[in-house]
Amino acid sequence: MWVCGALCRTRAPAQLGQRLLPESRRRRPASASFSASAEPSRVRALVYGHHGDPAKVVELKNLELAAVGGSDVHVKMLAAPINPSDINMIQGNYGLLPQLPAVGGNEGVGQVVAVGSGVTGVKPGDWVIPANPGLGTWRTEAVFGEEELITVPSDIPLQSAATLGVNPCTAYRMLVDFERLRPGDSIIQNASNSGVGQAVIQIAAARGLRTINVLRDRPDLQKLTDRLKNLGANHVVTEEELRKPEMKSFFKDVPQPRLALNCVGGKSSTELLRHLAPGGTMVTYGGMAKQPVIASVSQLIFKDLKLRGFWLSQWKKDHSPDQFKELILTLCDLIRRGQLTAPACSEVPLQDYLCALEASTQPFVSSKQILTM
């Protein structure tokens, strides 16, 4: 695993009194959570004032905590992961960008400290996660509107709760929404060691589906292969193996997949399409290779393959908050039954954020960085 060196020397917090400018309570992005109060509490937060390299633009700052209003909830953050979308958002190349300056982080779990007089859905001691992206979870405490939070059970592991709201949700929806898969059917995915990939393996196994999991060749390939198979992966192949003619004999014993999940693009996505069953669907939810998806005319005409995209933020816009809460509870049931665990994680104290940011952008690092408060 990548080990940080000099980068573990974090920047000093900004001077007390600096705080983010408030904004309308109708929609409260990360930059709207702090305001002046008679006896302000101090909060440590990872803030960026402009877009760029996360290691250069993110700073650890001391900010003031807003007073708790009637519909507000005071939350002490417990843990928050660093996801690829967090990095993209800081870089300025994501589909949703908060107003700057902003607190980083779109996912995490916190514990309710206090609630306003008008709050009815949560109480002190409850665990909560963000209902939508853009809240800014990389901080020690925050005051949010009640509608911006979803309660989760506190009897699930902390790492599972901290990583519940993005990757497992994406995995579940892609497995359910695009093809009517039955037990025994196959799916194929690239980036199988990613957070989504690990969730796909486990949720698919719980639903009786077979997974063909594609990885880039790497020094620790056998160790990673064993770990994915322990999660429930049926087959693990490398990108190079997928391109070989021998894969034809492989699919004589394994049903051709009706669903392909693409997080890479480029040649990798072309290979997924090549092995899809006629009439199958490839769903793209990421572009790690930063290369376009290329489908041949013959695949579209003679195999009637379908190309779709998935973005959880758009799914939330198209569905009610209650439907998202139902999804969260479904995943929590899988966690309780031991059918869904958190991805491999490395917990990093908030002050060592530079190490965590650097590790999150390193190749072949399969451990998700989780900031602990």
Protein backbone atom coordinates (compact mmCIF):
# COMPACT_ATOMS: atom_id res chain seq x y z
CA MET A 1 0.00 0.00 0.00
CA TRP A 2 1.16 3.54 -0.72
CA VAL A 3 2.74 5.14 2.29
CA CYS A 4 2.83 8.89 2.73
CA GLY A 5 5.99 10.65 3.79
CA ALA A 6 6.50 14.36 4.09
CA LEU A 7 2.90 15.01 3.05
CA CYS A 8 1.78 13.93 6.52
CA ARG A 9 2.88 17.35 7.76
CA THR A 10 -0.47 19.11 7.53
CA ARG A 11 -0.92 22.80 6.98
CA ALA A 12 -1.65 24.90 10.02
CA PRO A 13 -5.31 25.84 10.49
CA ALA A 14 -6.34 29.26 9.36
CA GLN A 15 -6.77 31.97 11.95
CA LEU A 16 -9.85 31.86 14.13
CA GLY A 17 -12.70 34.00 12.92
CA GLN A 18 -12.51 32.93 9.30
CA ARG A 19 -15.81 31.49 8.22
CA LEU A 20 -17.73 30.71 5.09
CA LEU A 21 -20.31 33.17 3.89
CA PRO A 22 -23.93 32.19 4.58
CA GLU A 23 -26.41 31.59 1.80
CA SER A 24 -30.14 30.95 1.47
CA ARG A 25 -31.50 28.18 3.65
CA ARG A 26 -33.59 26.93 0.74
CA ARG A 27 -30.54 25.07 -0.52
CA ARG A 28 -27.53 24.93 1.75
CA PRO A 29 -24.31 23.84 0.06
CA ALA A 30 -21.11 23.33 2.01
CA SER A 31 -20.42 27.06 2.03
CA ALA A 32 -23.69 27.87 3.82
CA SER A 33 -23.32 26.05 7.11
CA PHE A 34 -21.59 28.72 9.23
CA SER A 35 -22.76 32.07 10.51
CA ALA A 36 -22.04 34.42 13.37
CA SER A 37 -23.50 33.66 16.78
CA ALA A 38 -23.25 35.19 20.23
CA GLU A 39 -21.00 32.41 21.53
CA PRO A 40 -19.64 30.74 18.42
CA SER A 41 -18.29 27.19 18.56
CA ARG A 42 -15.14 26.41 16.61
CA VAL A 43 -15.13 23.77 13.92
CA ARG A 44 -12.24 22.32 11.93
CA ALA A 45 -13.07 21.88 8.27
CA LEU A 46 -11.33 21.10 4.98
CA VAL A 47 -12.14 24.07 2.76
CA TYR A 48 -11.26 24.99 -0.83
CA GLY A 49 -11.68 28.50 -2.18
CA HIS A 50 -11.02 27.73 -5.83
CA HIS A 51 -10.78 24.68 -8.08
CA GLY A 52 -7.54 22.83 -8.74
CA ASP A 53 -5.27 20.09 -7.44
CA PRO A 54 -6.85 18.98 -4.14
CA ALA A 55 -3.47 18.75 -2.42
CA LYS A 56 -2.86 22.41 -3.28
CA VAL A 57 -6.26 24.05 -2.85
CA VAL A 58 -7.71 22.23 0.18
CA GLU A 59 -6.87 23.80 3.54
CA LEU A 60 -7.65 22.87 7.14
CA LYS A 61 -9.45 25.88 8.61
CA ASN A 62 -11.15 26.87 11.83
CA LEU A 63 -14.72 28.01 11.22
CA GLU A 64 -17.63 29.16 13.32
CA LEU A 65 -20.62 26.89 13.90
CA ALA A 66 -24.02 28.34 13.12
CA ALA A 67 -26.61 28.73 15.85
CA VAL A 68 -29.21 25.97 15.80
CA GLY A 69 -32.51 27.25 14.42
CA GLY A 70 -35.94 25.72 14.77
CA SER A 71 -35.59 23.27 11.88
CA ASP A 72 -31.85 22.67 12.30
CA VAL A 73 -29.81 19.73 13.49
CA HIS A 74 -26.38 20.02 15.12
CA VAL A 75 -24.27 17.07 13.95
CA LYS A 76 -20.87 15.85 15.13
CA MET A 77 -19.25 14.16 12.15
CA LEU A 78 -17.77 10.74 12.91
CA ALA A 79 -16.23 9.63 9.62
CA ALA A 80 -16.28 10.74 5.98
CA PRO A 81 -14.72 9.00 2.96
CA ILE A 82 -12.84 10.50 0.04
CA ASN A 83 -14.58 9.42 -3.16
CA PRO A 84 -13.50 10.02 -6.78
CA SER A 85 -16.45 12.40 -7.15
CA ASP A 86 -15.10 14.47 -4.24
CA ILE A 87 -11.78 14.82 -6.06
CA ASN A 88 -13.51 15.71 -9.34
CA MET A 89 -15.65 18.31 -7.57
CA ILE A 90 -12.59 20.01 -6.08
CA GLN A 91 -10.93 19.94 -9.51
CA GLY A 92 -14.01 21.61 -10.97
CA ASN A 93 -14.90 18.89 -13.48
CA TYR A 94 -17.98 17.32 -11.93
CA GLY A 95 -21.65 17.60 -12.85
CA LEU A 96 -22.49 19.33 -9.55
CA LEU A 97 -20.34 22.10 -8.12
CA PRO A 98 -21.06 23.96 -4.85
CA GLN A 99 -20.59 27.70 -4.49
CA LEU A 100 -17.08 28.58 -3.34
CA PRO A 101 -15.63 28.65 -0.79
CA ALA A 102 -16.88 25.15 0.05
CA VAL A 103 -16.25 22.38 2.53
CA GLY A 104 -15.18 19.18 0.79
CA GLY A 105 -16.88 15.81 1.03
CA ASN A 106 -20.28 14.52 -0.09
CA GLU A 107 -20.64 11.45 2.08
CA GLY A 108 -20.15 10.43 5.69
CA VAL A 109 -21.90 9.66 8.95
CA GLY A 110 -22.43 11.87 11.96
CA GLN A 111 -24.16 11.76 15.33
CA VAL A 112 -26.88 14.21 16.28
CA VAL A 113 -25.85 16.48 19.17
CA ALA A 114 -28.86 18.78 19.39
CA VAL A 115 -32.01 19.64 17.42
CA GLY A 116 -34.15 22.72 16.97
CA SER A 117 -37.60 23.07 18.44
CA GLY A 118 -39.31 22.24 15.14
CA VAL A 119 -37.35 19.05 14.40
CA THR A 120 -39.42 15.86 14.65
CA GLY A 121 -37.60 13.25 12.55
CA VAL A 122 -34.27 12.99 14.40
CA LYS A 123 -33.15 13.20 18.02
CA PRO A 124 -29.84 13.53 19.86
CA GLY A 125 -27.79 10.35 19.61
CA ASP A 126 -29.13 9.35 16.17
CA TRP A 127 -26.73 8.56 13.34
CA VAL A 128 -27.36 10.54 10.15
CA ILE A 129 -26.00 10.71 6.61
CA PRO A 130 -26.47 13.39 3.91
CA ALA A 131 -29.64 13.15 1.87
CA ASN A 132 -27.96 14.88 -1.09
CA PRO A 133 -24.46 15.80 -2.28
CA GLY A 134 -22.83 19.14 -1.60
CA LEU A 135 -23.27 19.34 2.18
CA GLY A 136 -19.54 19.22 2.92
CA THR A 137 -18.78 16.33 5.27
CA TRP A 138 -15.05 16.86 5.81
CA ARG A 139 -15.42 18.73 9.09
CA THR A 140 -15.74 17.99 12.75
CA GLU A 141 -19.22 19.48 13.27
CA ALA A 142 -21.98 21.14 11.28
CA VAL A 143 -25.49 22.52 11.52
CA PHE A 144 -27.79 21.20 8.79
CA GLY A 145 -31.46 21.50 7.99
CA GLU A 146 -33.45 18.44 9.01
CA GLU A 147 -34.48 17.81 5.40
CA GLU A 148 -30.81 17.48 4.41
CA LEU A 149 -30.29 14.38 6.56
CA ILE A 150 -31.36 10.75 6.63
CA THR A 151 -31.33 8.69 9.80
CA VAL A 152 -29.46 5.38 9.65
CA PRO A 153 -29.36 2.64 12.29
CA SER A 154 -26.43 2.88 14.70
CA ASP A 155 -26.11 -0.91 14.98
CA ILE A 156 -24.24 -1.20 11.68
CA PRO A 157 -20.44 -0.79 11.49
CA LEU A 158 -19.17 2.79 11.38
CA GLN A 159 -17.30 2.28 8.10
CA SER A 160 -20.43 0.81 6.51
CA ALA A 161 -22.50 3.81 7.62
CA ALA A 162 -19.85 6.28 6.41
CA THR A 163 -19.74 4.72 2.93
CA LEU A 164 -23.43 3.86 2.58
CA GLY A 165 -24.86 6.79 0.68
CA VAL A 166 -23.00 6.70 -2.66
CA ASN A 167 -21.31 3.50 -3.85
CA PRO A 168 -23.72 0.83 -2.56
CA CYS A 169 -26.68 2.91 -3.76
CA THR A 170 -25.13 3.19 -7.22
CA ALA A 171 -24.39 -0.54 -7.31
CA TYR A 172 -27.91 -1.53 -6.26
CA ARG A 173 -29.69 0.73 -8.70
CA MET A 174 -27.57 -0.37 -11.66
CA LEU A 175 -28.22 -4.04 -10.86
CA VAL A 176 -31.98 -3.49 -10.55
CA ASP A 177 -32.98 -0.71 -12.95
CA PHE A 178 -31.62 -1.64 -16.39
CA GLU A 179 -32.10 -5.38 -16.99
CA ARG A 180 -34.51 -7.91 -15.51
CA LEU A 181 -31.89 -10.23 -14.15
CA ARG A 182 -32.76 -13.62 -12.67
CA PRO A 183 -30.73 -15.86 -10.36
CA GLY A 184 -28.03 -17.53 -12.42
CA ASP A 185 -27.68 -14.63 -14.87
CA SER A 186 -24.24 -13.08 -15.38
CA ILE A 187 -23.01 -9.53 -15.26
CA ILE A 188 -19.57 -8.17 -16.18
CA GLN A 189 -17.86 -5.09 -14.74
CA ASN A 190 -14.54 -3.27 -14.90
CA ALA A 191 -12.91 -1.38 -12.01
CA SER A 192 -14.10 -4.31 -9.91
CA ASN A 193 -11.93 -3.34 -6.94
CA SER A 194 -13.54 0.12 -6.68
CA GLY A 195 -16.05 0.94 -3.98
CA VAL A 196 -18.93 0.44 -6.42
CA GLY A 197 -17.31 -2.71 -7.80
CA GLN A 198 -17.02 -4.31 -4.37
CA ALA A 199 -20.65 -3.44 -3.62
CA VAL A 200 -21.76 -4.87 -6.98
CA ILE A 201 -20.06 -8.18 -6.18
CA GLN A 202 -21.80 -8.50 -2.82
CA ILE A 203 -25.26 -7.31 -3.85
CA ALA A 204 -25.16 -9.50 -6.96
CA ALA A 205 -24.22 -12.53 -4.86
CA ALA A 206 -27.11 -11.79 -2.49
CA ARG A 207 -29.45 -11.78 -5.51
CA GLY A 208 -28.06 -15.01 -6.96
CA LEU A 209 -26.26 -13.33 -9.86
CA ARG A 210 -22.86 -14.38 -11.22
CA THR A 211 -20.19 -11.71 -11.61
CA ILE A 212 -17.31 -11.52 -14.06
CA ASN A 213 -14.91 -8.99 -12.61
CA VAL A 214 -12.24 -7.25 -14.67
CA LEU A 215 -9.08 -5.78 -13.15
CA ARG A 216 -6.01 -4.05 -14.46
CA ASP A 217 -2.89 -6.18 -14.14
CA ARG A 218 -0.96 -5.16 -11.02
CA PRO A 219 1.74 -6.34 -8.61
CA ASP A 220 -0.73 -7.58 -5.95
CA LEU A 221 -3.13 -9.22 -8.43
CA GLN A 222 -3.46 -12.57 -6.65
CA LYS A 223 -4.04 -10.93 -3.27
CA LEU A 224 -6.70 -8.68 -4.73
CA THR A 225 -8.29 -11.57 -6.62
CA ASP A 226 -8.55 -13.57 -3.41
CA ARG A 227 -10.12 -10.63 -1.61
CA LEU A 228 -12.77 -10.13 -4.31
CA LYS A 229 -13.59 -13.82 -4.34
CA ASN A 230 -13.99 -13.71 -0.57
CA LEU A 231 -16.61 -11.01 -1.18
CA GLY A 232 -18.47 -13.35 -3.54
CA ALA A 233 -16.88 -12.75 -6.96
CA ASN A 234 -17.38 -15.77 -9.24
CA HIS A 235 -14.73 -14.93 -11.81
CA VAL A 236 -11.84 -12.44 -11.83
CA VAL A 237 -9.93 -11.71 -15.05
CA THR A 238 -7.48 -9.05 -16.13
CA GLU A 239 -7.98 -6.57 -18.96
CA GLU A 240 -5.34 -8.47 -20.94
CA GLU A 241 -7.06 -11.83 -20.41
CA LEU A 242 -10.38 -10.38 -21.52
CA ARG A 243 -8.87 -9.53 -24.91
CA LYS A 244 -7.55 -13.05 -25.58
CA PRO A 245 -9.31 -15.50 -27.95
CA GLU A 246 -9.48 -18.02 -25.10
CA MET A 247 -12.38 -16.03 -23.62
CA LYS A 248 -14.63 -17.66 -26.23
CA SER A 249 -14.23 -21.02 -24.48
CA PHE A 250 -14.78 -19.29 -21.14
CA PHE A 251 -18.26 -18.22 -22.23
CA LYS A 252 -19.14 -21.78 -23.24
CA ASP A 253 -19.35 -22.59 -19.54
CA VAL A 254 -20.48 -19.20 -18.25
CA PRO A 255 -23.65 -17.46 -19.51
CA GLN A 256 -22.91 -14.38 -21.56
CA PRO A 257 -23.64 -11.33 -19.41
CA ARG A 258 -26.76 -9.32 -20.10
CA LEU A 259 -25.48 -6.35 -18.10
CA ALA A 260 -22.10 -4.62 -18.20
CA LEU A 261 -21.07 -1.93 -15.72
CA ASN A 262 -18.43 0.48 -17.01
CA CYS A 263 -16.43 2.85 -14.81
CA VAL A 264 -13.38 3.13 -17.09
CA GLY A 265 -14.23 3.90 -20.72
CA GLY A 266 -11.81 3.55 -23.63
CA LYS A 267 -10.61 0.07 -24.63
CA SER A 268 -11.88 -1.44 -21.41
CA SER A 269 -15.48 -0.49 -22.19
CA THR A 270 -15.08 -1.75 -25.77
CA GLU A 271 -14.13 -5.17 -24.40
CA LEU A 272 -17.14 -5.23 -22.09
CA LEU A 273 -19.39 -4.55 -25.07
CA ARG A 274 -17.72 -7.31 -27.09
CA HIS A 275 -18.69 -9.92 -24.51
CA LEU A 276 -22.26 -8.75 -23.85
CA ALA A 277 -25.11 -11.05 -24.83
CA PRO A 278 -27.32 -9.88 -27.73
CA GLY A 279 -29.80 -7.28 -26.50
CA GLY A 280 -27.68 -6.58 -23.43
CA THR A 281 -27.04 -3.22 -21.78
CA MET A 282 -23.82 -1.46 -20.79
CA VAL A 283 -24.27 1.16 -18.08
CA THR A 284 -21.51 3.76 -17.75
CA TYR A 285 -21.16 5.43 -14.36
CA GLY A 286 -17.54 6.64 -14.48
CA GLY A 287 -14.66 7.44 -16.82
CA MET A 288 -11.40 6.66 -15.05
CA ALA A 289 -9.46 6.33 -18.31
CA LYS A 290 -10.71 9.75 -19.48
CA GLN A 291 -11.33 8.19 -22.88
CA PRO A 292 -14.63 7.95 -24.79
CA VAL A 293 -16.80 4.88 -24.98
CA ILE A 294 -16.53 3.45 -28.49
CA ALA A 295 -19.12 1.00 -29.81
CA SER A 296 -18.92 -0.51 -33.27
CA VAL A 297 -21.83 -0.13 -35.66
CA SER A 298 -22.18 -3.91 -35.92
CA GLN A 299 -22.61 -4.23 -32.15
CA LEU A 300 -25.45 -1.76 -32.19
CA ILE A 301 -27.15 -3.14 -35.30
CA PHE A 302 -26.61 -6.89 -35.18
CA LYS A 303 -26.43 -7.39 -31.40
CA ASP A 304 -28.89 -4.61 -30.50
CA LEU A 305 -26.73 -3.54 -27.57
CA LYS A 306 -27.90 -0.62 -25.46
CA LEU A 307 -25.68 2.10 -24.02
CA ARG A 308 -26.94 3.84 -20.89
CA GLY A 309 -25.56 6.12 -18.20
CA PHE A 310 -26.17 6.34 -14.47
CA TRP A 311 -25.62 9.18 -12.01
CA LEU A 312 -26.98 8.76 -8.50
CA SER A 313 -27.57 12.51 -8.13
CA GLN A 314 -29.90 12.44 -11.13
CA TRP A 315 -31.67 9.36 -9.78
CA LYS A 316 -32.36 11.26 -6.56
CA LYS A 317 -33.78 14.19 -8.54
CA ASP A 318 -36.10 11.80 -10.37
CA HIS A 319 -37.29 10.02 -7.21
CA SER A 320 -38.80 11.10 -3.92
CA PRO A 321 -36.83 11.38 -0.66
CA ASP A 322 -38.87 8.47 0.69
CA GLN A 323 -37.67 6.27 -2.19
CA PHE A 324 -34.07 7.10 -1.34
CA LYS A 325 -34.72 6.34 2.33
CA GLU A 326 -36.23 3.00 1.28
CA LEU A 327 -33.07 2.25 -0.72
CA ILE A 328 -30.90 3.07 2.31
CA LEU A 329 -32.94 0.78 4.55
CA THR A 330 -32.71 -2.05 1.98
CA LEU A 331 -28.94 -1.75 2.02
CA CYS A 332 -28.89 -1.63 5.83
CA ASP A 333 -30.78 -4.93 5.86
CA LEU A 334 -28.08 -6.46 3.66
CA ILE A 335 -25.41 -5.12 6.03
CA ARG A 336 -27.16 -6.63 9.05
CA ARG A 337 -27.40 -10.01 7.31
CA GLY A 338 -23.68 -9.94 6.57
CA GLN A 339 -24.27 -9.73 2.82
CA LEU A 340 -22.78 -6.25 2.36
CA THR A 341 -19.62 -4.95 4.01
CA ALA A 342 -17.76 -1.67 3.63
CA PRO A 343 -15.00 -1.54 1.01
CA ALA A 344 -11.44 -1.98 2.18
CA CYS A 345 -10.74 1.22 4.10
CA SER A 346 -7.87 3.13 5.66
CA GLU A 347 -8.89 5.49 8.47
CA VAL A 348 -6.94 8.75 8.48
CA PRO A 349 -7.24 11.52 11.11
CA LEU A 350 -8.62 14.76 9.70
CA GLN A 351 -5.35 16.62 10.31
CA ASP A 352 -3.53 14.14 8.05
CA TYR A 353 -5.80 14.99 5.14
CA LEU A 354 -2.91 15.58 2.71
CA CYS A 355 -1.88 11.94 3.08
CA ALA A 356 -5.43 10.82 2.44
CA LEU A 357 -5.88 13.05 -0.61
CA GLU A 358 -2.61 11.87 -2.10
CA ALA A 359 -3.40 8.21 -1.50
CA SER A 360 -6.83 8.67 -3.11
CA THR A 361 -5.22 9.64 -6.42
CA GLN A 362 -2.53 6.94 -6.50
CA PRO A 363 -2.84 4.04 -8.99
CA PHE A 364 -3.53 0.52 -7.70
CA VAL A 365 -4.60 1.71 -4.24
CA SER A 366 -7.67 -0.40 -3.44
CA SER A 367 -8.25 1.01 0.03
CA LYS A 368 -10.75 3.83 0.40
CA GLN A 369 -9.48 6.71 2.52
CA ILE A 370 -11.83 7.61 5.38
CA LEU A 371 -11.31 10.81 7.36
CA THR A 372 -12.00 10.39 11.07
CA MET A 373 -12.93 13.37 13.22
